[in-house]
Each structure stands twice: as structure tokens, then as C-alpha cells.
Amino acid sequence: MKKKHIITISGKPGSGKSSTADKVAELLGYTRHSSGDMVRRVLAKNHMTLEEYNAKARTNHDLDDQVDEQLRALRDKKDIVVDSRLGFYWLPESFKVYLDLDLEIATARIFKDTISNSARSAVGTSSTSLTDVSRQVRERMLTEQSRFRELYGVDPYDKSHFDLIIDTSRQNPQSVAIAVFDTYREWLDAEVWEQQHNQVPLGYSFKNQY
């Protein structure tokens, strides 16, 4: 069966989804789409933080519906990379990638990002302290799990949904993108596929550039 040339990238907060999607799209010459970018533009327009939206979204699903409609429309496209928490769900024919990492490392990355990236800090996680960021990240994950289970009956952090799982804790965006690129080419040619895992052995690391 001929497979669609679509890659969806999901994973934990701070795992490098956006950076990886950018580099994978560049390697393949694909077009990149991001539900995070869609959400951030709407949040900035409405002067909301992601934390405020997540609290509101427990009862008001208007923004979820807007983003979901745009994601569903991508099923008719080809040669695309989609950075989205629920991309694997709305685009089930895609090559589904999950980026994993330890939450302490995720917290440090997000804390650094909120300070250095004004677009994200304007609408994202508060950068007052590592402790606050850690609390917000955990609350965000629990809120998303609860909301998406209620709306769609799916857990976005359940790794069983994915074709490739990559631990990004000791990797940089380039090494992760190359792993996606190589495994995706294998997936395109495979008649039968079993979930694969990629991680850097303990005691060795690529230079972290997230």
C-alpha cells in the first residue's frame, strides 16, 4: 500500500517538537505546519497565556475546534511535517513520531525558552522560577490529558500510538531530525512496521542546542 508522505510530531512539552519539525521539513523539502503556532497567534491576539487558555478550555472548546478543523484539512495534502499534540490522531495515515524526555530537563528547557524567546514568553509559561515552570508544565500535561480524553477519548502522551519514539534528553535538534529522516524512509518502504525507539546511551550526549 502506498503511504502518504505526511509526518506528525508530538511529545512532551520542551521535547523539541518545533525545532525537530523545522529541520525534518528542511531535510525532506516538505512544508511545515504547526498547531502550536496557530494557538500562539490566537492567544497573543486575545492577550491570554497558555496557562489561562488551558484553564478556560476545560469548559470552552472553541479554540480546540478551530485548530482541529485546520489539522483535519491537512489529510488531503502531501509532503508535509505537522508539529501538533494531536497530529497522530487527526492524521492517522501519517508517520507518527513521539519526542520524549525527563520532565526535569523539559522544565529547564522551557524556563530558558521563556527568557530567550519573546514570542513564546508573551503567551506561554511564566518564567518567574524553575519551581513555577515545573508546576505549570505538570499541570498543563494533566489538563491536556483530561481535556483530550473527554473530547476525543485519547491520551496525547500514550506512547503506544506512535511509530517512532525518540528520547531527546541528550540529543540536539539535528541528531533528532536525522533519526526521524532515516526511520521515515524505512517506514515508507516497509510492508509491516513495529514501533521503534531511539535514544543516546547514558554517558554520551550530542551538544544540546534546544
N, C-alpha and C. Protein backbone atom coordinates (compact mmCIF):
# COMPACT_ATOMS: atom_id res chain seq x y z
N MET A 1 0.84 -1.19 0.00
CA MET A 1 0.00 0.00 0.00
C MET A 1 0.88 1.25 0.00
N LYS A 2 0.56 2.18 -0.89
CA LYS A 2 1.32 3.41 -0.96
C LYS A 2 0.96 4.30 0.22
N LYS A 3 1.97 4.75 0.95
CA LYS A 3 1.74 5.54 2.15
C LYS A 3 1.77 7.03 1.84
N LYS A 4 1.01 7.79 2.62
CA LYS A 4 1.00 9.23 2.46
C LYS A 4 2.32 9.82 2.98
N HIS A 5 2.79 10.84 2.29
CA HIS A 5 4.03 11.49 2.69
C HIS A 5 3.71 12.58 3.70
N ILE A 6 3.33 12.14 4.91
CA ILE A 6 2.98 13.04 6.00
C ILE A 6 3.66 12.55 7.27
N ILE A 7 4.33 13.44 7.97
CA ILE A 7 4.95 13.13 9.25
C ILE A 7 4.29 13.99 10.31
N THR A 8 3.84 13.36 11.40
CA THR A 8 3.32 14.12 12.54
C THR A 8 4.27 13.95 13.71
N ILE A 9 4.55 15.05 14.39
CA ILE A 9 5.49 15.05 15.50
C ILE A 9 4.77 15.54 16.75
N SER A 10 4.75 14.70 17.76
CA SER A 10 4.12 15.03 19.03
C SER A 10 5.14 14.77 20.14
N GLY A 11 4.70 14.92 21.40
CA GLY A 11 5.60 14.64 22.51
C GLY A 11 5.37 15.55 23.69
N LYS A 12 6.24 15.44 24.67
CA LYS A 12 6.11 16.20 25.90
C LYS A 12 6.49 17.67 25.68
N PRO A 13 5.98 18.56 26.54
CA PRO A 13 6.44 19.95 26.48
C PRO A 13 7.95 20.02 26.65
N GLY A 14 8.59 20.86 25.85
CA GLY A 14 10.03 21.03 25.95
C GLY A 14 10.86 19.98 25.26
N SER A 15 10.21 19.04 24.57
CA SER A 15 10.95 17.94 23.94
C SER A 15 11.58 18.33 22.61
N GLY A 16 11.26 19.50 22.08
CA GLY A 16 11.87 19.95 20.83
C GLY A 16 11.04 19.71 19.60
N LYS A 17 9.73 19.68 19.74
CA LYS A 17 8.86 19.38 18.60
C LYS A 17 9.02 20.39 17.47
N SER A 18 9.02 21.67 17.81
CA SER A 18 9.10 22.71 16.78
C SER A 18 10.44 22.69 16.07
N SER A 19 11.52 22.62 16.85
CA SER A 19 12.87 22.60 16.25
C SER A 19 13.05 21.38 15.36
N THR A 20 12.57 20.23 15.83
CA THR A 20 12.68 19.00 15.05
C THR A 20 11.86 19.08 13.78
N ALA A 21 10.63 19.58 13.88
CA ALA A 21 9.77 19.70 12.70
C ALA A 21 10.41 20.60 11.66
N ASP A 22 11.01 21.71 12.10
CA ASP A 22 11.68 22.62 11.17
C ASP A 22 12.78 21.90 10.40
N LYS A 23 13.61 21.14 11.12
CA LYS A 23 14.77 20.52 10.49
C LYS A 23 14.37 19.32 9.63
N VAL A 24 13.36 18.56 10.06
CA VAL A 24 12.89 17.44 9.24
C VAL A 24 12.29 17.96 7.93
N ALA A 25 11.51 19.01 8.02
CA ALA A 25 10.93 19.61 6.81
C ALA A 25 12.02 20.10 5.87
N GLU A 26 13.07 20.68 6.44
CA GLU A 26 14.19 21.16 5.63
C GLU A 26 14.91 20.00 4.95
N LEU A 27 15.15 18.92 5.68
CA LEU A 27 15.86 17.77 5.12
C LEU A 27 15.08 17.14 3.96
N LEU A 28 13.76 17.10 4.08
CA LEU A 28 12.92 16.43 3.09
C LEU A 28 12.39 17.36 2.02
N GLY A 29 12.50 18.66 2.23
CA GLY A 29 11.90 19.62 1.31
C GLY A 29 10.39 19.65 1.45
N TYR A 30 9.88 19.33 2.65
CA TYR A 30 8.45 19.31 2.93
C TYR A 30 8.01 20.66 3.49
N THR A 31 6.69 20.88 3.50
CA THR A 31 6.11 22.07 4.11
C THR A 31 5.78 21.78 5.56
N ARG A 32 6.11 22.71 6.44
CA ARG A 32 5.88 22.52 7.87
C ARG A 32 4.60 23.22 8.31
N HIS A 33 3.83 22.52 9.15
CA HIS A 33 2.63 23.10 9.76
C HIS A 33 2.72 22.89 11.26
N SER A 34 2.19 23.84 12.05
CA SER A 34 2.28 23.74 13.50
C SER A 34 1.00 24.22 14.15
N SER A 35 0.36 23.34 14.91
CA SER A 35 -0.82 23.76 15.68
C SER A 35 -0.41 24.70 16.80
N GLY A 36 0.81 24.56 17.30
CA GLY A 36 1.30 25.46 18.34
C GLY A 36 1.37 26.89 17.86
N ASP A 37 1.85 27.08 16.62
CA ASP A 37 1.90 28.42 16.05
C ASP A 37 0.50 29.00 15.91
N MET A 38 -0.44 28.16 15.48
CA MET A 38 -1.84 28.62 15.34
C MET A 38 -2.37 29.09 16.69
N VAL A 39 -2.15 28.27 17.71
CA VAL A 39 -2.66 28.59 19.04
C VAL A 39 -2.00 29.85 19.58
N ARG A 40 -0.66 29.96 19.45
CA ARG A 40 0.04 31.12 19.99
C ARG A 40 -0.42 32.42 19.35
N ARG A 41 -0.70 32.39 18.05
CA ARG A 41 -1.19 33.61 17.40
C ARG A 41 -2.54 34.03 17.98
N VAL A 42 -3.41 33.06 18.20
CA VAL A 42 -4.72 33.37 18.76
C VAL A 42 -4.58 33.87 20.20
N LEU A 43 -3.71 33.23 20.98
CA LEU A 43 -3.53 33.65 22.36
C LEU A 43 -2.97 35.07 22.44
N ALA A 44 -2.00 35.38 21.59
CA ALA A 44 -1.42 36.72 21.57
C ALA A 44 -2.47 37.76 21.20
N LYS A 45 -3.30 37.42 20.24
CA LYS A 45 -4.36 38.33 19.80
C LYS A 45 -5.34 38.61 20.93
N ASN A 46 -5.60 37.60 21.76
CA ASN A 46 -6.57 37.74 22.85
C ASN A 46 -5.91 38.04 24.19
N HIS A 47 -4.59 38.29 24.17
CA HIS A 47 -3.84 38.65 25.38
C HIS A 47 -4.02 37.61 26.49
N MET A 48 -3.88 36.33 26.11
CA MET A 48 -4.00 35.23 27.05
C MET A 48 -2.69 34.47 27.14
N THR A 49 -2.40 33.91 28.30
CA THR A 49 -1.28 32.98 28.42
C THR A 49 -1.80 31.57 28.13
N LEU A 50 -0.87 30.67 27.87
CA LEU A 50 -1.26 29.28 27.64
C LEU A 50 -1.90 28.69 28.89
N GLU A 51 -1.40 29.09 30.05
CA GLU A 51 -1.97 28.61 31.30
C GLU A 51 -3.43 29.07 31.45
N GLU A 52 -3.69 30.32 31.10
CA GLU A 52 -5.06 30.84 31.16
C GLU A 52 -5.97 30.11 30.17
N TYR A 53 -5.44 29.87 28.97
CA TYR A 53 -6.25 29.15 27.99
C TYR A 53 -6.58 27.74 28.45
N ASN A 54 -5.58 27.04 28.98
CA ASN A 54 -5.82 25.67 29.42
C ASN A 54 -6.90 25.61 30.50
N ALA A 55 -6.91 26.61 31.38
CA ALA A 55 -7.95 26.66 32.41
C ALA A 55 -9.31 26.90 31.77
N LYS A 56 -9.35 27.82 30.81
CA LYS A 56 -10.62 28.14 30.15
C LYS A 56 -11.10 26.99 29.28
N ALA A 57 -10.15 26.29 28.66
CA ALA A 57 -10.50 25.23 27.70
C ALA A 57 -11.15 24.01 28.36
N ARG A 58 -11.12 23.95 29.68
CA ARG A 58 -11.78 22.83 30.36
C ARG A 58 -13.28 22.83 30.09
N THR A 59 -13.84 24.01 29.87
CA THR A 59 -15.28 24.11 29.62
C THR A 59 -15.62 24.74 28.27
N ASN A 60 -14.66 25.46 27.69
CA ASN A 60 -14.89 26.14 26.41
C ASN A 60 -13.94 25.55 25.36
N HIS A 61 -14.49 24.87 24.36
CA HIS A 61 -13.66 24.15 23.39
C HIS A 61 -13.61 24.83 22.02
N ASP A 62 -13.94 26.12 21.98
CA ASP A 62 -13.98 26.83 20.70
C ASP A 62 -12.62 26.84 20.02
N LEU A 63 -11.56 27.12 20.78
CA LEU A 63 -10.23 27.17 20.19
C LEU A 63 -9.78 25.80 19.74
N ASP A 64 -10.05 24.77 20.54
CA ASP A 64 -9.74 23.40 20.13
C ASP A 64 -10.40 23.08 18.80
N ASP A 65 -11.65 23.46 18.66
CA ASP A 65 -12.39 23.17 17.42
C ASP A 65 -11.77 23.87 16.22
N GLN A 66 -11.32 25.10 16.41
CA GLN A 66 -10.71 25.85 15.30
C GLN A 66 -9.41 25.20 14.84
N VAL A 67 -8.59 24.82 15.79
CA VAL A 67 -7.31 24.18 15.45
C VAL A 67 -7.54 22.80 14.85
N ASP A 68 -8.48 22.03 15.42
CA ASP A 68 -8.76 20.69 14.93
C ASP A 68 -9.24 20.71 13.48
N GLU A 69 -10.05 21.69 13.14
CA GLU A 69 -10.55 21.78 11.76
C GLU A 69 -9.40 22.00 10.79
N GLN A 70 -8.46 22.82 11.17
CA GLN A 70 -7.30 23.07 10.31
C GLN A 70 -6.42 21.83 10.19
N LEU A 71 -6.29 21.07 11.29
CA LEU A 71 -5.50 19.85 11.24
C LEU A 71 -6.15 18.79 10.36
N ARG A 72 -7.45 18.64 10.47
CA ARG A 72 -8.17 17.65 9.64
C ARG A 72 -8.02 17.97 8.16
N ALA A 73 -7.97 19.24 7.82
CA ALA A 73 -7.85 19.64 6.42
C ALA A 73 -6.51 19.23 5.82
N LEU A 74 -5.52 18.97 6.66
CA LEU A 74 -4.19 18.59 6.16
C LEU A 74 -4.16 17.17 5.63
N ARG A 75 -5.19 16.36 5.87
CA ARG A 75 -5.20 14.98 5.39
C ARG A 75 -5.17 14.91 3.87
N ASP A 76 -5.61 15.96 3.21
CA ASP A 76 -5.64 15.98 1.75
C ASP A 76 -4.32 16.46 1.15
N LYS A 77 -3.37 16.83 1.98
CA LYS A 77 -2.09 17.33 1.48
C LYS A 77 -1.03 16.22 1.50
N LYS A 78 0.11 16.50 0.92
CA LYS A 78 1.23 15.56 0.93
C LYS A 78 2.52 16.34 1.09
N ASP A 79 3.58 15.61 1.41
CA ASP A 79 4.90 16.22 1.62
C ASP A 79 4.83 17.31 2.70
N ILE A 80 4.31 16.94 3.87
CA ILE A 80 4.19 17.89 4.97
C ILE A 80 4.71 17.27 6.27
N VAL A 81 5.17 18.16 7.15
CA VAL A 81 5.54 17.80 8.51
C VAL A 81 4.65 18.61 9.44
N VAL A 82 3.97 17.93 10.36
CA VAL A 82 3.00 18.59 11.23
C VAL A 82 3.44 18.47 12.68
N ASP A 83 3.69 19.61 13.30
CA ASP A 83 4.03 19.66 14.72
C ASP A 83 2.73 19.92 15.48
N SER A 84 2.20 18.87 16.12
CA SER A 84 0.90 19.01 16.79
C SER A 84 0.74 17.92 17.84
N ARG A 85 0.21 18.30 19.00
CA ARG A 85 -0.01 17.33 20.06
C ARG A 85 -0.93 16.20 19.61
N LEU A 86 -1.97 16.52 18.80
CA LEU A 86 -2.93 15.53 18.35
C LEU A 86 -2.80 15.24 16.85
N GLY A 87 -1.67 15.56 16.27
CA GLY A 87 -1.48 15.27 14.85
C GLY A 87 -1.65 13.80 14.53
N PHE A 88 -1.13 12.94 15.40
CA PHE A 88 -1.24 11.49 15.19
C PHE A 88 -2.70 11.04 15.15
N TYR A 89 -3.57 11.74 15.86
CA TYR A 89 -4.99 11.38 15.95
C TYR A 89 -5.76 11.87 14.72
N TRP A 90 -5.53 13.12 14.32
CA TRP A 90 -6.26 13.67 13.18
C TRP A 90 -5.69 13.22 11.84
N LEU A 91 -4.43 12.76 11.83
CA LEU A 91 -3.79 12.30 10.59
C LEU A 91 -3.26 10.88 10.82
N PRO A 92 -4.16 9.92 10.96
CA PRO A 92 -3.75 8.56 11.34
C PRO A 92 -2.90 7.85 10.29
N GLU A 93 -2.93 8.33 9.04
CA GLU A 93 -2.13 7.69 7.99
C GLU A 93 -0.68 8.16 8.02
N SER A 94 -0.37 9.11 8.87
CA SER A 94 0.96 9.72 8.90
C SER A 94 2.00 8.80 9.56
N PHE A 95 3.27 9.15 9.37
CA PHE A 95 4.36 8.55 10.14
C PHE A 95 4.40 9.30 11.46
N LYS A 96 4.08 8.61 12.54
CA LYS A 96 3.80 9.27 13.82
C LYS A 96 5.02 9.18 14.75
N VAL A 97 5.54 10.37 15.10
CA VAL A 97 6.75 10.47 15.92
C VAL A 97 6.41 11.07 17.27
N TYR A 98 6.96 10.47 18.34
CA TYR A 98 6.79 10.99 19.70
C TYR A 98 8.16 11.33 20.27
N LEU A 99 8.31 12.58 20.73
CA LEU A 99 9.56 13.02 21.35
C LEU A 99 9.40 13.00 22.87
N ASP A 100 10.26 12.25 23.51
CA ASP A 100 10.17 12.02 24.95
C ASP A 100 11.38 12.63 25.64
N LEU A 101 11.26 12.92 26.93
CA LEU A 101 12.39 13.34 27.75
C LEU A 101 11.96 13.43 29.21
N ASP A 102 12.97 13.48 30.07
CA ASP A 102 12.73 13.63 31.50
C ASP A 102 12.12 15.00 31.77
N LEU A 103 11.13 15.07 32.67
CA LEU A 103 10.43 16.32 32.91
C LEU A 103 11.32 17.39 33.55
N GLU A 104 12.35 17.00 34.29
CA GLU A 104 13.27 17.99 34.85
C GLU A 104 14.04 18.70 33.74
N ILE A 105 14.44 17.94 32.72
CA ILE A 105 15.13 18.53 31.58
C ILE A 105 14.16 19.40 30.79
N ALA A 106 12.92 18.93 30.65
CA ALA A 106 11.90 19.71 29.95
C ALA A 106 11.69 21.05 30.64
N THR A 107 11.63 21.03 31.97
CA THR A 107 11.43 22.26 32.73
C THR A 107 12.56 23.26 32.49
N ALA A 108 13.79 22.76 32.51
CA ALA A 108 14.95 23.64 32.28
C ALA A 108 14.91 24.25 30.88
N ARG A 109 14.55 23.45 29.89
CA ARG A 109 14.47 23.96 28.52
C ARG A 109 13.39 25.03 28.39
N ILE A 110 12.23 24.77 28.96
CA ILE A 110 11.13 25.71 28.84
C ILE A 110 11.44 27.00 29.58
N PHE A 111 12.06 26.90 30.75
CA PHE A 111 12.46 28.08 31.51
C PHE A 111 13.42 28.94 30.68
N LYS A 112 14.38 28.31 30.05
CA LYS A 112 15.33 29.03 29.21
C LYS A 112 14.62 29.66 28.02
N ASP A 113 13.66 28.93 27.44
CA ASP A 113 12.96 29.41 26.25
C ASP A 113 12.09 30.62 26.56
N THR A 114 11.45 30.63 27.72
CA THR A 114 10.59 31.76 28.05
C THR A 114 11.38 33.04 28.25
N ILE A 115 12.65 32.90 28.61
CA ILE A 115 13.51 34.07 28.79
C ILE A 115 14.05 34.56 27.46
N SER A 116 14.46 33.61 26.59
CA SER A 116 15.13 33.99 25.34
C SER A 116 14.19 34.21 24.16
N ASN A 117 12.98 33.62 24.21
CA ASN A 117 12.06 33.70 23.08
C ASN A 117 10.87 34.56 23.48
N SER A 118 10.85 35.81 23.02
CA SER A 118 9.81 36.74 23.43
C SER A 118 8.43 36.34 22.94
N ALA A 119 8.35 35.71 21.77
CA ALA A 119 7.05 35.30 21.23
C ALA A 119 6.41 34.25 22.10
N ARG A 120 7.23 33.32 22.60
CA ARG A 120 6.70 32.27 23.46
C ARG A 120 6.41 32.80 24.86
N SER A 121 7.32 33.62 25.40
CA SER A 121 7.13 34.09 26.76
C SER A 121 5.92 35.01 26.88
N ALA A 122 5.55 35.65 25.79
CA ALA A 122 4.41 36.56 25.82
C ALA A 122 3.10 35.82 26.06
N VAL A 123 3.04 34.56 25.62
CA VAL A 123 1.79 33.83 25.73
C VAL A 123 1.92 32.50 26.45
N GLY A 124 3.15 32.12 26.80
CA GLY A 124 3.36 30.77 27.31
C GLY A 124 3.50 30.69 28.80
N THR A 125 4.54 29.98 29.23
CA THR A 125 4.72 29.68 30.64
C THR A 125 5.43 30.81 31.36
N SER A 126 5.03 31.10 32.58
CA SER A 126 5.69 32.14 33.37
C SER A 126 7.13 31.75 33.66
N SER A 127 8.04 32.73 33.63
CA SER A 127 9.46 32.44 33.83
C SER A 127 9.96 32.90 35.19
N THR A 128 9.08 33.02 36.18
CA THR A 128 9.48 33.55 37.47
C THR A 128 10.48 32.66 38.19
N SER A 129 10.36 31.33 38.06
CA SER A 129 11.30 30.42 38.71
C SER A 129 11.14 29.03 38.09
N LEU A 130 12.18 28.21 38.30
CA LEU A 130 12.12 26.83 37.82
C LEU A 130 11.00 26.06 38.50
N THR A 131 10.78 26.35 39.77
CA THR A 131 9.72 25.66 40.51
C THR A 131 8.36 25.97 39.91
N ASP A 132 8.12 27.23 39.59
CA ASP A 132 6.84 27.60 38.98
C ASP A 132 6.67 26.95 37.61
N VAL A 133 7.74 26.95 36.82
CA VAL A 133 7.67 26.35 35.48
C VAL A 133 7.38 24.86 35.60
N SER A 134 8.03 24.17 36.55
CA SER A 134 7.80 22.74 36.74
C SER A 134 6.35 22.47 37.08
N ARG A 135 5.79 23.27 37.99
CA ARG A 135 4.38 23.11 38.36
C ARG A 135 3.48 23.34 37.16
N GLN A 136 3.76 24.38 36.38
CA GLN A 136 2.92 24.72 35.23
C GLN A 136 2.99 23.64 34.15
N VAL A 137 4.18 23.07 33.94
CA VAL A 137 4.32 22.02 32.93
C VAL A 137 3.51 20.78 33.33
N ARG A 138 3.61 20.39 34.58
CA ARG A 138 2.86 19.21 35.04
C ARG A 138 1.36 19.46 34.99
N GLU A 139 0.93 20.65 35.40
CA GLU A 139 -0.49 20.99 35.33
C GLU A 139 -0.98 21.01 33.89
N ARG A 140 -0.14 21.53 33.00
CA ARG A 140 -0.50 21.58 31.58
C ARG A 140 -0.71 20.18 31.03
N MET A 141 0.19 19.26 31.34
CA MET A 141 0.06 17.90 30.84
C MET A 141 -1.19 17.21 31.37
N LEU A 142 -1.44 17.39 32.67
CA LEU A 142 -2.63 16.78 33.27
C LEU A 142 -3.91 17.36 32.68
N THR A 143 -3.91 18.68 32.45
CA THR A 143 -5.08 19.33 31.86
C THR A 143 -5.33 18.84 30.45
N GLU A 144 -4.26 18.72 29.67
CA GLU A 144 -4.41 18.25 28.29
C GLU A 144 -4.88 16.80 28.26
N GLN A 145 -4.34 15.97 29.13
CA GLN A 145 -4.79 14.59 29.18
C GLN A 145 -6.27 14.50 29.50
N SER A 146 -6.69 15.26 30.49
CA SER A 146 -8.10 15.24 30.89
C SER A 146 -9.00 15.77 29.78
N ARG A 147 -8.60 16.89 29.17
CA ARG A 147 -9.42 17.52 28.13
C ARG A 147 -9.55 16.64 26.90
N PHE A 148 -8.43 16.09 26.45
CA PHE A 148 -8.46 15.29 25.22
C PHE A 148 -9.12 13.94 25.43
N ARG A 149 -9.02 13.40 26.63
CA ARG A 149 -9.76 12.18 26.93
C ARG A 149 -11.26 12.44 26.88
N GLU A 150 -11.66 13.58 27.44
CA GLU A 150 -13.08 13.93 27.45
C GLU A 150 -13.59 14.21 26.03
N LEU A 151 -12.81 14.95 25.24
CA LEU A 151 -13.25 15.36 23.91
C LEU A 151 -13.16 14.23 22.90
N TYR A 152 -12.05 13.47 22.93
CA TYR A 152 -11.77 12.51 21.86
C TYR A 152 -11.53 11.09 22.34
N GLY A 153 -11.45 10.88 23.65
CA GLY A 153 -11.16 9.55 24.16
C GLY A 153 -9.74 9.12 23.89
N VAL A 154 -8.79 10.08 23.88
CA VAL A 154 -7.41 9.75 23.55
C VAL A 154 -6.46 10.47 24.50
N ASP A 155 -5.37 9.80 24.88
CA ASP A 155 -4.33 10.38 25.73
C ASP A 155 -3.17 10.77 24.82
N PRO A 156 -2.86 12.08 24.69
CA PRO A 156 -1.79 12.51 23.79
C PRO A 156 -0.40 12.06 24.23
N TYR A 157 -0.26 11.58 25.47
CA TYR A 157 1.03 11.15 25.98
C TYR A 157 1.14 9.62 26.08
N ASP A 158 0.21 8.92 25.46
CA ASP A 158 0.26 7.46 25.40
C ASP A 158 1.16 7.06 24.23
N LYS A 159 2.32 6.50 24.53
CA LYS A 159 3.33 6.21 23.50
C LYS A 159 2.93 5.10 22.55
N SER A 160 1.91 4.32 22.90
CA SER A 160 1.51 3.20 22.04
C SER A 160 0.94 3.66 20.69
N HIS A 161 0.61 4.95 20.57
CA HIS A 161 0.03 5.47 19.33
C HIS A 161 1.06 5.69 18.23
N PHE A 162 2.36 5.61 18.55
CA PHE A 162 3.38 6.15 17.66
C PHE A 162 4.25 5.09 16.99
N ASP A 163 4.79 5.47 15.83
CA ASP A 163 5.67 4.59 15.05
C ASP A 163 7.12 4.69 15.50
N LEU A 164 7.51 5.87 15.98
CA LEU A 164 8.89 6.10 16.41
C LEU A 164 8.88 6.94 17.68
N ILE A 165 9.62 6.49 18.69
CA ILE A 165 9.77 7.24 19.93
C ILE A 165 11.25 7.62 20.09
N ILE A 166 11.50 8.91 20.28
CA ILE A 166 12.87 9.39 20.41
C ILE A 166 13.03 10.10 21.75
N ASP A 167 14.01 9.69 22.53
CA ASP A 167 14.35 10.39 23.76
C ASP A 167 15.31 11.52 23.38
N THR A 168 14.86 12.76 23.56
CA THR A 168 15.67 13.91 23.13
C THR A 168 16.53 14.47 24.26
N SER A 169 16.56 13.82 25.41
CA SER A 169 17.24 14.38 26.58
C SER A 169 18.70 14.70 26.32
N ARG A 170 19.42 13.84 25.61
CA ARG A 170 20.85 14.05 25.37
C ARG A 170 21.14 14.21 23.89
N GLN A 171 20.17 14.76 23.15
CA GLN A 171 20.35 14.97 21.72
C GLN A 171 20.08 16.43 21.35
N ASN A 172 20.56 16.83 20.18
CA ASN A 172 20.24 18.15 19.67
C ASN A 172 19.25 18.03 18.52
N PRO A 173 18.66 19.13 18.07
CA PRO A 173 17.65 19.04 17.02
C PRO A 173 18.13 18.36 15.75
N GLN A 174 19.40 18.54 15.40
CA GLN A 174 19.90 17.94 14.17
C GLN A 174 19.96 16.42 14.27
N SER A 175 20.43 15.90 15.39
CA SER A 175 20.51 14.44 15.54
C SER A 175 19.12 13.82 15.58
N VAL A 176 18.16 14.52 16.23
CA VAL A 176 16.80 14.01 16.28
C VAL A 176 16.18 14.02 14.88
N ALA A 177 16.39 15.10 14.14
CA ALA A 177 15.84 15.21 12.79
C ALA A 177 16.39 14.13 11.87
N ILE A 178 17.67 13.84 11.99
CA ILE A 178 18.28 12.79 11.17
C ILE A 178 17.69 11.43 11.52
N ALA A 179 17.44 11.18 12.81
CA ALA A 179 16.81 9.92 13.22
C ALA A 179 15.41 9.80 12.63
N VAL A 180 14.65 10.89 12.64
CA VAL A 180 13.32 10.88 12.03
C VAL A 180 13.43 10.64 10.53
N PHE A 181 14.32 11.34 9.88
CA PHE A 181 14.52 11.22 8.43
C PHE A 181 14.85 9.78 8.04
N ASP A 182 15.82 9.18 8.71
CA ASP A 182 16.24 7.82 8.36
C ASP A 182 15.13 6.79 8.62
N THR A 183 14.46 6.90 9.76
CA THR A 183 13.43 5.92 10.11
C THR A 183 12.20 6.10 9.22
N TYR A 184 11.88 7.33 8.88
CA TYR A 184 10.75 7.61 7.99
C TYR A 184 10.95 6.94 6.63
N ARG A 185 12.14 6.99 6.09
CA ARG A 185 12.42 6.35 4.80
C ARG A 185 12.26 4.84 4.90
N GLU A 186 12.66 4.26 6.03
CA GLU A 186 12.44 2.83 6.24
C GLU A 186 10.94 2.52 6.31
N TRP A 187 10.20 3.37 7.02
CA TRP A 187 8.75 3.19 7.18
C TRP A 187 8.03 3.24 5.83
N LEU A 188 8.45 4.13 4.95
CA LEU A 188 7.81 4.26 3.64
C LEU A 188 7.91 2.96 2.84
N ASP A 189 9.01 2.25 3.00
CA ASP A 189 9.25 1.03 2.21
C ASP A 189 8.76 -0.24 2.91
N ALA A 190 8.42 -0.14 4.18
CA ALA A 190 8.08 -1.34 4.96
C ALA A 190 6.65 -1.81 4.72
N GLU A 191 6.49 -3.12 4.59
CA GLU A 191 5.15 -3.71 4.49
C GLU A 191 4.52 -3.85 5.87
N VAL A 192 5.35 -4.20 6.85
CA VAL A 192 4.91 -4.35 8.24
C VAL A 192 5.82 -3.49 9.10
N TRP A 193 5.23 -2.82 10.11
CA TRP A 193 6.04 -1.91 10.92
C TRP A 193 5.82 -2.18 12.41
N GLU A 194 6.92 -2.25 13.13
CA GLU A 194 6.88 -2.33 14.59
C GLU A 194 7.48 -1.06 15.16
N GLN A 195 6.89 -0.59 16.25
CA GLN A 195 7.35 0.64 16.88
C GLN A 195 8.85 0.59 17.16
N GLN A 196 9.55 1.68 16.83
CA GLN A 196 10.99 1.77 17.06
C GLN A 196 11.31 2.84 18.09
N HIS A 197 12.45 2.66 18.77
CA HIS A 197 12.90 3.60 19.80
C HIS A 197 14.30 4.09 19.45
N ASN A 198 14.56 5.35 19.76
CA ASN A 198 15.87 5.93 19.51
C ASN A 198 16.28 6.74 20.75
N GLN A 199 17.47 6.47 21.27
CA GLN A 199 17.98 7.27 22.38
C GLN A 199 19.49 7.20 22.40
N VAL A 200 20.10 8.22 22.99
CA VAL A 200 21.55 8.26 23.14
C VAL A 200 21.91 7.56 24.45
N PRO A 201 22.88 6.64 24.43
CA PRO A 201 23.24 5.91 25.66
C PRO A 201 23.68 6.84 26.77
N LEU A 202 23.40 6.45 28.01
CA LEU A 202 23.80 7.21 29.18
C LEU A 202 25.32 7.36 29.19
N GLY A 203 25.77 8.59 29.48
CA GLY A 203 27.20 8.86 29.49
C GLY A 203 27.71 9.46 28.21
N TYR A 204 26.82 9.58 27.21
CA TYR A 204 27.21 10.20 25.94
C TYR A 204 26.11 11.14 25.53
N SER A 205 26.47 12.27 24.97
CA SER A 205 25.42 13.19 24.53
C SER A 205 25.92 14.03 23.36
N PHE A 206 24.97 14.37 22.48
CA PHE A 206 25.22 15.40 21.49
C PHE A 206 25.13 16.75 22.19
N LYS A 207 25.75 17.77 21.66
CA LYS A 207 25.63 19.10 22.25
C LYS A 207 24.17 19.54 22.18
N ASN A 208 23.62 19.90 23.31
CA ASN A 208 22.20 20.27 23.37
C ASN A 208 22.02 21.71 22.88
N GLN A 209 21.23 21.89 21.83
CA GLN A 209 21.01 23.22 21.27
C GLN A 209 19.54 23.61 21.28
N TYR A 210 18.73 22.96 22.10
CA TYR A 210 17.32 23.34 22.15
C TYR A 210 17.16 24.69 22.83
